[in-house]
């Protein structure tokens, strides 16, 4: 397991150096991070809306 984590860390460092060496690499990284944040927020919003709607639906008295 330690070897795997070491390999992943080395690969991430290498890829980060490659990205930093290119002129557009920083912008691309920023765009990916911003997109990931927005997707995470959208998933959280859907979860909150689902729980609210589900809670209201379960409280409907049919009898």
Protein backbone atom coordinates (compact mmCIF):
# COMPACT_ATOMS: atom_id res chain seq x y z
CA UNK A 1 0.00 0.00 0.00
CA UNK A 2 2.85 2.38 0.82
CA UNK A 3 4.47 1.69 -2.55
CA UNK A 4 1.21 2.56 -4.29
CA UNK A 5 0.89 5.87 -2.42
CA UNK A 6 4.53 6.68 -3.16
CA UNK A 7 3.97 5.97 -6.85
CA UNK A 8 0.82 8.10 -6.95
CA UNK A 9 2.59 10.99 -5.21
CA UNK A 10 5.53 10.79 -7.63
CA UNK A 11 3.20 10.65 -10.63
CA UNK A 12 1.23 13.67 -9.38
CA UNK A 13 4.47 15.63 -8.87
CA UNK A 14 5.62 14.72 -12.37
CA UNK A 15 2.31 15.70 -13.96
CA UNK A 16 2.25 18.95 -12.00
CA UNK A 17 5.72 19.81 -13.34
CA UNK A 18 4.56 19.07 -16.89
CA UNK A 19 1.52 21.30 -16.42
CA UNK A 20 3.62 24.09 -14.96
CA UNK A 21 6.04 23.89 -17.90
CA UNK A 22 3.31 24.75 -20.41
CA UNK A 23 1.89 28.25 -20.79
CA UNK A 24 -1.79 27.24 -20.81
CA UNK A 25 -1.44 24.54 -18.16
CA UNK A 26 -2.37 26.82 -15.28
CA UNK A 27 -5.58 28.02 -16.89
CA UNK A 28 -6.59 24.47 -17.75
CA UNK A 29 -6.00 23.38 -14.17
CA UNK A 30 -8.03 26.30 -12.86
CA UNK A 31 -10.89 25.47 -15.20
CA UNK A 32 -10.90 21.84 -14.07
CA UNK A 33 -10.89 22.79 -10.39
CA UNK A 34 -13.67 25.35 -10.89
CA UNK A 35 -15.75 22.79 -12.79
CA UNK A 36 -15.20 20.20 -10.06
CA UNK A 37 -16.32 22.68 -7.39
CA UNK A 38 -19.45 23.59 -9.35
CA UNK A 39 -20.33 19.93 -9.92
CA UNK A 40 -19.88 19.22 -6.21
CA UNK A 41 -22.16 22.12 -5.30
CA UNK A 42 -24.78 20.94 -7.81
CA UNK A 43 -24.74 17.42 -6.37
CA UNK A 44 -25.13 18.84 -2.86
CA UNK A 45 -28.04 21.02 -3.98
CA UNK A 46 -29.77 18.04 -5.60
CA UNK A 47 -29.30 16.03 -2.41
CA UNK A 48 -30.80 18.78 -0.27
CA UNK A 49 -33.75 19.27 -2.61
CA UNK A 50 -34.35 15.50 -2.75
CA UNK A 51 -34.35 15.17 1.02
CA UNK A 52 -36.77 18.11 1.42
CA UNK A 53 -39.19 16.81 -1.24
CA UNK A 54 -38.96 13.25 0.05
CA UNK A 55 -39.67 14.43 3.60
CA UNK A 56 -42.71 16.42 2.50
CA UNK A 57 -43.99 13.51 0.40
CA UNK A 58 -43.72 11.14 3.33
CA UNK A 59 -45.77 13.51 5.49
CA UNK A 60 -48.78 13.53 3.13
CA UNK A 61 -51.80 12.02 4.87
CA UNK A 62 -53.67 9.73 2.48
CA UNK A 63 -56.19 8.41 4.93
